[in-house]
Amino acid sequence: MIVVVASIHDARALRIVAEWGSKSAAVLSAEDLCMPGWVFRVPIDPHTTAVIGGQKIPGERISGILTLRPCIFPEELQDTQAAHRTYVAAELNAFLLAWLTAQSSRVVNRPTACCLAGPNWRPEQWTQAAARLDIPARTWRHIPSHNCIPNDGETLEVITVGEQCFGCGDSGLREKSLKLAQAAGVELLSVRFSVDRTRFVSASAWPSLTDPAVLEAVRQRLETPR
């Protein structure tokens, strides 16, 4: 079974599970984390169980995990008293971080200390990472609110899935995208470049996953042992 860690209100996650089939994939929601039936030990042993899609699932049935959320938000916990939601969300995040980190199956993208799905870098951090790899980056325009936005315009997108690339066919941009994904420690990454192919514009560890070829590559990646 492929586990998709997401909100039950995430239309993208529900679409992905529907595409892969309910017998092959299921959503692990915040509500599941609050249900009885979890058994988690470190290191993982044969008696580990999880609650996924409302069902108690043996850990050995999990073939891969796709994480589509940065954290559990207090606002999701509607069955928890409002005064306790922030605390409960923090505890659930800590538990889910430990559970994801301990998995021996493939996790895309693996969690970091500050995010359940990859590094969760700000745009400036992605730009800095690109610069360290000698990938020229577009300039940023600062506005009075202290935010900054890139001079984007139209862009070319490359999506990396493991060692594969989709989207723009430029081999140079594909190589740069793979280098950036490796530097960020992620298997799934969307990288955007300027139309003239000379500058890095932005990156995101949460691609839209609307391309059937990309989605199929993700599924195959999750079903491939580490």
C-alpha atoms as a PDB file:
ATOM      1  CA  MET A   1       0.000   0.000   0.000  1.00  0.00           C
ATOM      2  CA  ILE A   2       1.135   3.541  -0.785  1.00  0.00           C
ATOM      3  CA  VAL A   3       0.357   6.012   1.984  1.00  0.00           C
ATOM      4  CA  VAL A   4      -0.388   9.624   1.021  1.00  0.00           C
ATOM      5  CA  VAL A   5       0.130  11.886   4.030  1.00  0.00           C
ATOM      6  CA  ALA A   6      -2.304  14.757   3.499  1.00  0.00           C
ATOM      7  CA  SER A   7      -5.471  16.445   4.665  1.00  0.00           C
ATOM      8  CA  ILE A   8      -8.751  14.720   3.857  1.00  0.00           C
ATOM      9  CA  HIS A   9      -9.736  18.090   2.339  1.00  0.00           C
ATOM     10  CA  ASP A  10      -6.761  18.073  -0.053  1.00  0.00           C
ATOM     11  CA  ALA A  11      -8.331  17.586  -3.488  1.00  0.00           C
ATOM     12  CA  ARG A  12      -4.950  16.782  -5.015  1.00  0.00           C
ATOM     13  CA  ALA A  13      -4.327  13.939  -2.551  1.00  0.00           C
ATOM     14  CA  LEU A  14      -7.809  12.537  -3.073  1.00  0.00           C
ATOM     15  CA  ARG A  15      -7.329  12.666  -6.838  1.00  0.00           C
ATOM     16  CA  ILE A  16      -4.011  10.809  -6.579  1.00  0.00           C
ATOM     17  CA  VAL A  17      -5.508   8.054  -4.407  1.00  0.00           C
ATOM     18  CA  ALA A  18      -8.428   7.716  -6.810  1.00  0.00           C
ATOM     19  CA  GLU A  19      -5.989   7.443  -9.725  1.00  0.00           C
ATOM     20  CA  TRP A  20      -3.921   4.738  -8.007  1.00  0.00           C
ATOM     21  CA  GLY A  21      -6.954   2.880  -6.655  1.00  0.00           C
ATOM     22  CA  SER A  22      -8.219   2.535  -3.087  1.00  0.00           C
ATOM     23  CA  LYS A  23      -6.717  -0.954  -2.794  1.00  0.00           C
ATOM     24  CA  SER A  24      -3.268   0.381  -3.664  1.00  0.00           C
ATOM     25  CA  ALA A  25      -3.238   3.758  -1.881  1.00  0.00           C
ATOM     26  CA  ALA A  26      -4.917   5.611   0.987  1.00  0.00           C
ATOM     27  CA  VAL A  27      -4.732   8.998   2.689  1.00  0.00           C
ATOM     28  CA  LEU A  28      -3.211   9.254   6.160  1.00  0.00           C
ATOM     29  CA  SER A  29      -5.002  12.241   7.692  1.00  0.00           C
ATOM     30  CA  ALA A  30      -4.826  14.202  10.921  1.00  0.00           C
ATOM     31  CA  GLU A  31      -7.988  12.399  11.984  1.00  0.00           C
ATOM     32  CA  ASP A  32      -6.249   9.033  11.561  1.00  0.00           C
ATOM     33  CA  LEU A  33      -3.477  10.155  13.901  1.00  0.00           C
ATOM     34  CA  CYS A  34      -6.053  10.691  16.657  1.00  0.00           C
ATOM     35  CA  MET A  35      -7.579   7.208  16.379  1.00  0.00           C
ATOM     36  CA  PRO A  36      -6.660   4.169  18.516  1.00  0.00           C
ATOM     37  CA  GLY A  37      -4.729   1.358  16.872  1.00  0.00           C
ATOM     38  CA  TRP A  38      -1.261   2.846  16.445  1.00  0.00           C
ATOM     39  CA  VAL A  39       1.725   0.751  17.543  1.00  0.00           C
ATOM     40  CA  PHE A  40       5.085   2.395  16.917  1.00  0.00           C
ATOM     41  CA  ARG A  41       8.453   1.203  18.131  1.00  0.00           C
ATOM     42  CA  VAL A  42      12.003   2.218  17.188  1.00  0.00           C
ATOM     43  CA  PRO A  43      13.524   0.394  15.476  1.00  0.00           C
ATOM     44  CA  ILE A  44      10.501  -0.672  13.440  1.00  0.00           C
ATOM     45  CA  ASP A  45       9.441  -4.239  14.229  1.00  0.00           C
ATOM     46  CA  PRO A  46       6.883  -6.648  12.664  1.00  0.00           C
ATOM     47  CA  HIS A  47       4.211  -5.664  15.182  1.00  0.00           C
ATOM     48  CA  THR A  48       4.117  -1.998  14.146  1.00  0.00           C
ATOM     49  CA  THR A  49       0.668  -0.828  13.018  1.00  0.00           C
ATOM     50  CA  ALA A  50      -0.768   2.430  11.721  1.00  0.00           C
ATOM     51  CA  VAL A  51      -4.248   3.824  11.201  1.00  0.00           C
ATOM     52  CA  ILE A  52      -4.647   4.877   7.568  1.00  0.00           C
ATOM     53  CA  GLY A  53      -7.944   5.830   6.003  1.00  0.00           C
ATOM     54  CA  GLY A  54      -9.649   4.831   9.238  1.00  0.00           C
ATOM     55  CA  GLN A  55      -8.292   1.279   9.025  1.00  0.00           C
ATOM     56  CA  LYS A  56      -5.642  -0.419  11.157  1.00  0.00           C
ATOM     57  CA  ILE A  57      -2.825  -1.369   8.775  1.00  0.00           C
ATOM     58  CA  PRO A  58       0.224  -3.560   9.580  1.00  0.00           C
ATOM     59  CA  GLY A  59       3.453  -1.672   8.947  1.00  0.00           C
ATOM     60  CA  GLU A  60       4.713  -4.421   6.635  1.00  0.00           C
ATOM     61  CA  ARG A  61       1.945  -3.581   4.145  1.00  0.00           C
ATOM     62  CA  ILE A  62       3.300  -0.078   3.545  1.00  0.00           C
ATOM     63  CA  SER A  63       5.387  -0.025   0.362  1.00  0.00           C
ATOM     64  CA  GLY A  64       5.977   3.725   0.163  1.00  0.00           C
ATOM     65  CA  ILE A  65       4.861   7.084   1.538  1.00  0.00           C
ATOM     66  CA  LEU A  66       4.128  10.318  -0.338  1.00  0.00           C
ATOM     67  CA  THR A  67       4.001  13.322   1.983  1.00  0.00           C
ATOM     68  CA  LEU A  68       1.980  16.285   0.712  1.00  0.00           C
ATOM     69  CA  ARG A  69       1.825  18.461   3.795  1.00  0.00           C
ATOM     70  CA  PRO A  70       4.381  20.532   5.746  1.00  0.00           C
ATOM     71  CA  CYS A  71       2.697  19.938   9.118  1.00  0.00           C
ATOM     72  CA  ILE A  72      -0.529  19.257  11.001  1.00  0.00           C
ATOM     73  CA  PHE A  73      -2.410  22.533  11.492  1.00  0.00           C
ATOM     74  CA  PRO A  74      -4.382  23.184  14.720  1.00  0.00           C
ATOM     75  CA  GLU A  75      -7.388  24.299  12.658  1.00  0.00           C
ATOM     76  CA  GLU A  76      -7.758  20.760  11.302  1.00  0.00           C
ATOM     77  CA  LEU A  77      -8.474  19.285  14.715  1.00  0.00           C
ATOM     78  CA  GLN A  78     -12.153  20.129  14.919  1.00  0.00           C
ATOM     79  CA  ASP A  79     -12.890  17.233  17.299  1.00  0.00           C
ATOM     80  CA  THR A  80     -10.389  18.659  19.797  1.00  0.00           C
ATOM     81  CA  GLN A  81     -11.346  21.459  22.172  1.00  0.00           C
ATOM     82  CA  ALA A  82     -10.190  24.775  20.710  1.00  0.00           C
ATOM     83  CA  ALA A  83      -8.022  25.586  23.737  1.00  0.00           C
ATOM     84  CA  HIS A  84      -5.998  22.390  23.226  1.00  0.00           C
ATOM     85  CA  ARG A  85      -5.629  22.307  19.448  1.00  0.00           C
ATOM     86  CA  THR A  86      -2.235  24.012  19.265  1.00  0.00           C
ATOM     87  CA  TYR A  87      -0.757  21.605  21.809  1.00  0.00           C
ATOM     88  CA  VAL A  88      -2.305  18.524  20.210  1.00  0.00           C
ATOM     89  CA  ALA A  89      -1.132  19.606  16.746  1.00  0.00           C
ATOM     90  CA  ALA A  90       2.427  19.997  18.067  1.00  0.00           C
ATOM     91  CA  GLU A  91       2.304  16.501  19.572  1.00  0.00           C
ATOM     92  CA  LEU A  92       0.929  15.006  16.355  1.00  0.00           C
ATOM     93  CA  ASN A  93       3.650  16.726  14.328  1.00  0.00           C
ATOM     94  CA  ALA A  94       6.332  15.324  16.617  1.00  0.00           C
ATOM     95  CA  PHE A  95       4.865  11.830  16.377  1.00  0.00           C
ATOM     96  CA  LEU A  96       4.454  11.955  12.599  1.00  0.00           C
ATOM     97  CA  LEU A  97       8.002  13.283  12.173  1.00  0.00           C
ATOM     98  CA  ALA A  98       9.358  10.357  14.207  1.00  0.00           C
ATOM     99  CA  TRP A  99       7.153   7.832  12.374  1.00  0.00           C
ATOM    100  CA  LEU A 100       8.156   9.069   8.916  1.00  0.00           C
ATOM    101  CA  THR A 101      11.840   9.234   9.843  1.00  0.00           C
ATOM    102  CA  ALA A 102      11.834   5.644  11.117  1.00  0.00           C
ATOM    103  CA  GLN A 103      10.244   4.132   8.004  1.00  0.00           C
ATOM    104  CA  SER A 104      12.389   1.665   6.085  1.00  0.00           C
ATOM    105  CA  SER A 105      10.156   1.995   3.016  1.00  0.00           C
ATOM    106  CA  ARG A 106      10.654   4.871   0.584  1.00  0.00           C
ATOM    107  CA  VAL A 107       9.351   8.262   1.768  1.00  0.00           C
ATOM    108  CA  VAL A 108       8.899  11.072  -0.795  1.00  0.00           C
ATOM    109  CA  ASN A 109       9.879  13.629   0.317  1.00  0.00           C
ATOM    110  CA  ARG A 110      11.539  12.608   3.567  1.00  0.00           C
ATOM    111  CA  PRO A 111      10.931  14.914   6.555  1.00  0.00           C
ATOM    112  CA  THR A 112      13.292  17.406   8.101  1.00  0.00           C
ATOM    113  CA  ALA A 113      13.251  18.870  11.599  1.00  0.00           C
ATOM    114  CA  CYS A 114      11.107  21.804  10.487  1.00  0.00           C
ATOM    115  CA  CYS A 115       8.884  20.186   7.864  1.00  0.00           C
ATOM    116  CA  LEU A 116       7.168  16.843   7.251  1.00  0.00           C
ATOM    117  CA  ALA A 117       7.982  16.933   3.524  1.00  0.00           C
ATOM    118  CA  GLY A 118      11.436  18.163   2.617  1.00  0.00           C
ATOM    119  CA  PRO A 119      13.394  21.249   3.652  1.00  0.00           C
ATOM    120  CA  ASN A 120      10.522  23.774   3.224  1.00  0.00           C
ATOM    121  CA  TRP A 121      13.023  26.404   2.090  1.00  0.00           C
ATOM    122  CA  ARG A 122      12.012  29.979   1.410  1.00  0.00           C
ATOM    123  CA  PRO A 123      12.492  31.340  -2.128  1.00  0.00           C
ATOM    124  CA  GLU A 124      15.696  33.070  -1.070  1.00  0.00           C
ATOM    125  CA  GLN A 125      17.097  29.794   0.279  1.00  0.00           C
ATOM    126  CA  TRP A 126      16.394  27.989  -2.987  1.00  0.00           C
ATOM    127  CA  THR A 127      18.124  30.818  -4.840  1.00  0.00           C
ATOM    128  CA  GLN A 128      21.114  30.586  -2.525  1.00  0.00           C
ATOM    129  CA  ALA A 129      21.279  26.798  -2.998  1.00  0.00           C
ATOM    130  CA  ALA A 130      21.226  27.265  -6.777  1.00  0.00           C
ATOM    131  CA  ALA A 131      24.005  29.839  -6.576  1.00  0.00           C
ATOM    132  CA  ARG A 132      26.170  27.429  -4.574  1.00  0.00           C
ATOM    133  CA  LEU A 133      25.790  24.957  -7.440  1.00  0.00           C
ATOM    134  CA  ASP A 134      26.849  27.639  -9.951  1.00  0.00           C
ATOM    135  CA  ILE A 135      23.325  27.829 -11.344  1.00  0.00           C
ATOM    136  CA  PRO A 136      22.661  31.485 -12.292  1.00  0.00           C
ATOM    137  CA  ALA A 137      19.544  32.834 -10.599  1.00  0.00           C
ATOM    138  CA  ARG A 138      17.147  35.597 -11.495  1.00  0.00           C
ATOM    139  CA  THR A 139      17.282  38.814  -9.496  1.00  0.00           C
ATOM    140  CA  TRP A 140      14.728  39.488  -6.782  1.00  0.00           C
ATOM    141  CA  ARG A 141      12.694  42.666  -6.406  1.00  0.00           C
ATOM    142  CA  HIS A 142      12.070  43.877  -2.846  1.00  0.00           C
ATOM    143  CA  ILE A 143       8.819  45.608  -1.981  1.00  0.00           C
ATOM    144  CA  PRO A 144       8.012  47.811   1.053  1.00  0.00           C
ATOM    145  CA  SER A 145       6.233  45.038   2.984  1.00  0.00           C
ATOM    146  CA  HIS A 146       9.657  43.360   3.367  1.00  0.00           C
ATOM    147  CA  ASN A 147       8.609  40.496   1.161  1.00  0.00           C
ATOM    148  CA  CYS A 148      10.455  39.849  -2.068  1.00  0.00           C
ATOM    149  CA  ILE A 149       9.263  38.445  -5.334  1.00  0.00           C
ATOM    150  CA  PRO A 150      11.186  37.280  -8.376  1.00  0.00           C
ATOM    151  CA  ASN A 151      10.869  38.973 -11.729  1.00  0.00           C
ATOM    152  CA  ASP A 152       9.164  35.838 -13.011  1.00  0.00           C
ATOM    153  CA  GLY A 153       7.082  36.218 -16.124  1.00  0.00           C
ATOM    154  CA  GLU A 154       6.769  33.052 -18.174  1.00  0.00           C
ATOM    155  CA  THR A 155       8.935  30.128 -17.068  1.00  0.00           C
ATOM    156  CA  LEU A 156      10.008  26.622 -18.064  1.00  0.00           C
ATOM    157  CA  GLU A 157       9.372  23.845 -15.530  1.00  0.00           C
ATOM    158  CA  VAL A 158      11.375  20.695 -14.899  1.00  0.00           C
ATOM    159  CA  ILE A 159      10.001  18.123 -12.416  1.00  0.00           C
ATOM    160  CA  THR A 160      12.418  15.616 -10.930  1.00  0.00           C
ATOM    161  CA  VAL A 161      11.276  12.202  -9.695  1.00  0.00           C
ATOM    162  CA  GLY A 162      14.311  10.386  -8.373  1.00  0.00           C
ATOM    163  CA  GLU A 163      16.773  10.320 -11.278  1.00  0.00           C
ATOM    164  CA  GLN A 164      14.074  11.068 -13.887  1.00  0.00           C
ATOM    165  CA  CYS A 165      13.084  14.474 -15.252  1.00  0.00           C
ATOM    166  CA  PHE A 166       9.837  15.621 -16.875  1.00  0.00           C
ATOM    167  CA  GLY A 167       8.760  18.800 -18.588  1.00  0.00           C
ATOM    168  CA  CYS A 168      11.332  20.852 -20.429  1.00  0.00           C
ATOM    169  CA  GLY A 169      13.529  18.663 -22.632  1.00  0.00           C
ATOM    170  CA  ASP A 170      16.654  20.807 -22.280  1.00  0.00           C
ATOM    171  CA  SER A 171      19.375  18.441 -21.016  1.00  0.00           C
ATOM    172  CA  GLY A 172      21.252  21.274 -19.313  1.00  0.00           C
ATOM    173  CA  LEU A 173      18.217  22.367 -17.308  1.00  0.00           C
ATOM    174  CA  ARG A 174      17.474  18.757 -16.398  1.00  0.00           C
ATOM    175  CA  GLU A 175      20.993  18.286 -15.095  1.00  0.00           C
ATOM    176  CA  LYS A 176      20.739  21.473 -13.021  1.00  0.00           C
ATOM    177  CA  SER A 177      17.375  20.368 -11.617  1.00  0.00           C
ATOM    178  CA  LEU A 178      18.769  16.989 -10.540  1.00  0.00           C
ATOM    179  CA  LYS A 179      21.753  18.693  -8.887  1.00  0.00           C
ATOM    180  CA  LEU A 180      19.422  21.027  -6.979  1.00  0.00           C
ATOM    181  CA  ALA A 181      17.168  18.150  -5.878  1.00  0.00           C
ATOM    182  CA  GLN A 182      20.192  16.225  -4.647  1.00  0.00           C
ATOM    183  CA  ALA A 183      21.495  19.262  -2.754  1.00  0.00           C
ATOM    184  CA  ALA A 184      18.081  19.714  -1.115  1.00  0.00           C
ATOM    185  CA  GLY A 185      17.830  16.020  -0.250  1.00  0.00           C
ATOM    186  CA  VAL A 186      14.517  15.527  -2.060  1.00  0.00           C
ATOM    187  CA  GLU A 187      13.318  13.022  -4.648  1.00  0.00           C
ATOM    188  CA  LEU A 188      10.396  15.093  -5.914  1.00  0.00           C
ATOM    189  CA  LEU A 189      11.023  18.695  -6.969  1.00  0.00           C
ATOM    190  CA  SER A 190       9.618  21.291  -9.361  1.00  0.00           C
ATOM    191  CA  VAL A 191      12.251  23.681 -10.702  1.00  0.00           C
ATOM    192  CA  ARG A 192      11.466  26.706 -12.849  1.00  0.00           C
ATOM    193  CA  PHE A 193      13.845  28.497 -15.196  1.00  0.00           C
ATOM    194  CA  SER A 194      13.576  31.628 -17.325  1.00  0.00           C
ATOM    195  CA  VAL A 195      12.255  31.134 -20.844  1.00  0.00           C
ATOM    196  CA  ASP A 196      15.661  31.968 -22.322  1.00  0.00           C
ATOM    197  CA  ARG A 197      17.017  29.047 -20.217  1.00  0.00           C
ATOM    198  CA  THR A 198      19.743  31.141 -18.618  1.00  0.00           C
ATOM    199  CA  ARG A 199      18.429  31.647 -15.074  1.00  0.00           C
ATOM    200  CA  PHE A 200      16.951  29.700 -12.164  1.00  0.00           C
ATOM    201  CA  VAL A 201      13.667  31.258 -11.032  1.00  0.00           C
ATOM    202  CA  SER A 202      12.153  29.116  -8.270  1.00  0.00           C
ATOM    203  CA  ALA A 203      11.739  25.636  -6.839  1.00  0.00           C
ATOM    204  CA  SER A 204       9.092  23.757  -4.879  1.00  0.00           C
ATOM    205  CA  ALA A 205       9.036  20.345  -3.223  1.00  0.00           C
ATOM    206  CA  TRP A 206       5.274  20.218  -3.884  1.00  0.00           C
ATOM    207  CA  PRO A 207       4.690  19.907  -7.647  1.00  0.00           C
ATOM    208  CA  SER A 208       1.105  19.938  -8.858  1.00  0.00           C
ATOM    209  CA  LEU A 209       1.321  16.258  -9.980  1.00  0.00           C
ATOM    210  CA  THR A 210      -1.259  16.741 -12.716  1.00  0.00           C
ATOM    211  CA  ASP A 211       0.895  15.209 -15.471  1.00  0.00           C
ATOM    212  CA  PRO A 212      -0.010  11.484 -15.760  1.00  0.00           C
ATOM    213  CA  ALA A 213       3.596  10.629 -16.660  1.00  0.00           C
ATOM    214  CA  VAL A 214       4.909  12.344 -13.532  1.00  0.00           C
ATOM    215  CA  LEU A 215       2.290  10.711 -11.336  1.00  0.00           C
ATOM    216  CA  GLU A 216       3.105   7.281 -12.743  1.00  0.00           C
ATOM    217  CA  ALA A 217       6.820   7.884 -12.128  1.00  0.00           C
ATOM    218  CA  VAL A 218       6.058   8.828  -8.524  1.00  0.00           C
ATOM    219  CA  ARG A 219       4.005   5.664  -8.063  1.00  0.00           C
ATOM    220  CA  GLN A 220       6.775   3.491  -9.468  1.00  0.00           C
ATOM    221  CA  ARG A 221       9.309   5.265  -7.285  1.00  0.00           C
ATOM    222  CA  LEU A 222       7.247   4.598  -4.169  1.00  0.00           C
ATOM    223  CA  GLU A 223       6.899   0.930  -5.038  1.00  0.00           C
ATOM    224  CA  THR A 224      10.665   0.542  -5.579  1.00  0.00           C
ATOM    225  CA  PRO A 225      12.599  -0.570  -2.446  1.00  0.00           C
ATOM    226  CA  ARG A 226      15.176   1.901  -1.137  1.00  0.00           C
END
